[in-house]
Protein backbone atom coordinates (compact mmCIF):
# COMPACT_ATOMS: atom_id res chain seq x y z
CA MET A 1 163.83 55.77 53.69
CA THR A 2 162.39 53.87 50.77
CA GLN A 3 158.69 53.90 50.04
CA PRO A 4 157.00 50.49 50.05
CA GLN A 5 155.73 49.19 46.73
CA ASP A 6 152.00 48.97 46.22
CA GLY A 7 150.69 45.66 47.51
CA SER A 8 153.68 44.92 49.72
CA ILE A 9 153.31 43.63 53.24
CA SER A 10 154.52 46.85 54.83
CA MET A 11 151.91 48.88 52.97
CA LYS A 12 149.13 46.55 54.11
CA LEU A 13 150.39 46.65 57.70
CA ARG A 14 150.45 50.43 57.51
CA THR A 15 146.83 50.41 56.34
CA ALA A 16 145.87 48.13 59.24
CA GLY A 17 147.63 50.50 61.63
CA ILE A 18 145.73 53.47 60.23
CA PHE A 19 142.42 51.67 60.80
CA ILE A 20 143.42 50.91 64.40
CA ILE A 21 144.54 54.49 65.10
CA VAL A 22 141.35 55.96 63.63
CA SER A 23 139.25 53.57 65.71
CA LEU A 24 141.08 54.61 68.87
CA LEU A 25 140.55 58.27 68.01
CA VAL A 26 136.82 57.68 67.48
CA GLN A 27 136.60 55.84 70.77
CA ALA A 28 138.52 58.55 72.63
CA PHE A 29 136.29 61.25 71.15
CA SER A 30 133.17 59.32 72.12
CA LEU A 31 134.37 59.14 75.74
CA VAL A 32 134.36 62.94 76.06
CA TRP A 33 131.14 63.40 74.06
CA ASN A 34 128.21 63.75 76.46
CA HIS A 35 125.37 62.36 74.35
CA PRO A 36 123.47 59.06 74.19
CA LEU A 37 124.85 58.43 70.69
CA ALA A 38 128.36 58.44 72.12
CA PHE A 39 127.91 54.83 73.16
CA VAL A 40 126.81 53.91 69.65
CA ALA A 41 129.85 55.69 68.18
CA PHE A 42 132.14 53.98 70.68
CA LEU A 43 130.74 50.52 70.17
CA ILE A 44 129.73 50.39 66.52
CA VAL A 45 131.94 52.85 64.65
CA GLY A 46 135.04 52.42 66.80
CA GLY A 47 134.51 48.69 67.17
CA ILE A 48 134.05 48.06 63.46
CA LEU A 49 137.14 50.08 62.57
CA LEU A 50 139.12 48.23 65.21
CA LEU A 51 137.95 44.84 63.93
CA ILE A 52 138.83 45.81 60.36
CA GLY A 53 142.31 46.89 61.41
CA LEU A 54 142.97 43.81 63.52
CA GLY A 55 141.52 41.51 60.88
CA LEU A 56 143.68 43.02 58.15
CA TYR A 57 146.75 42.78 60.39
CA VAL A 58 146.18 39.09 61.12
CA TRP A 59 145.30 38.36 57.47
CA VAL A 60 148.58 39.91 56.25
CA LEU A 61 150.61 37.96 58.79
CA LEU A 62 148.90 34.65 58.05
CA PHE A 63 148.81 34.95 54.27
CA PRO A 64 151.85 36.96 53.09
CA VAL A 65 152.21 37.80 49.42
CA VAL A 66 154.77 35.48 47.86
CA ARG A 67 156.23 36.73 44.62
CA SER A 68 157.96 34.08 42.56
CA ALA A 69 161.15 34.84 40.66
CA ALA A 70 160.21 32.43 37.87
CA PRO A 71 159.36 34.02 34.53
CA SER A 72 155.80 33.93 33.35
CA PRO A 73 154.77 31.32 30.74
CA LYS A 74 154.08 34.04 28.15
CA SER A 75 157.71 35.21 28.19
CA ASP A 76 158.94 31.65 27.48
CA ALA A 77 156.60 31.26 24.52
CA GLN A 78 157.83 34.47 22.86
CA ASP A 79 161.54 33.49 22.94
């Protein structure tokens, strides 16, 4: 399997997935934690991580990176 290049869509989607997985782990841990701060961890920490992951996922799908095959203007000037 080939590794995605830095800045590619698959790498950004993988980062979004990691945020979502970490948020779900935080929320699952807070459900078994018997303390008043468990609600804060569930709502704030887990919720913020989930929003970051979902936001990044939607951002990558709406605004994909388009790399043009045209040469840069500097390379034309040097020829």
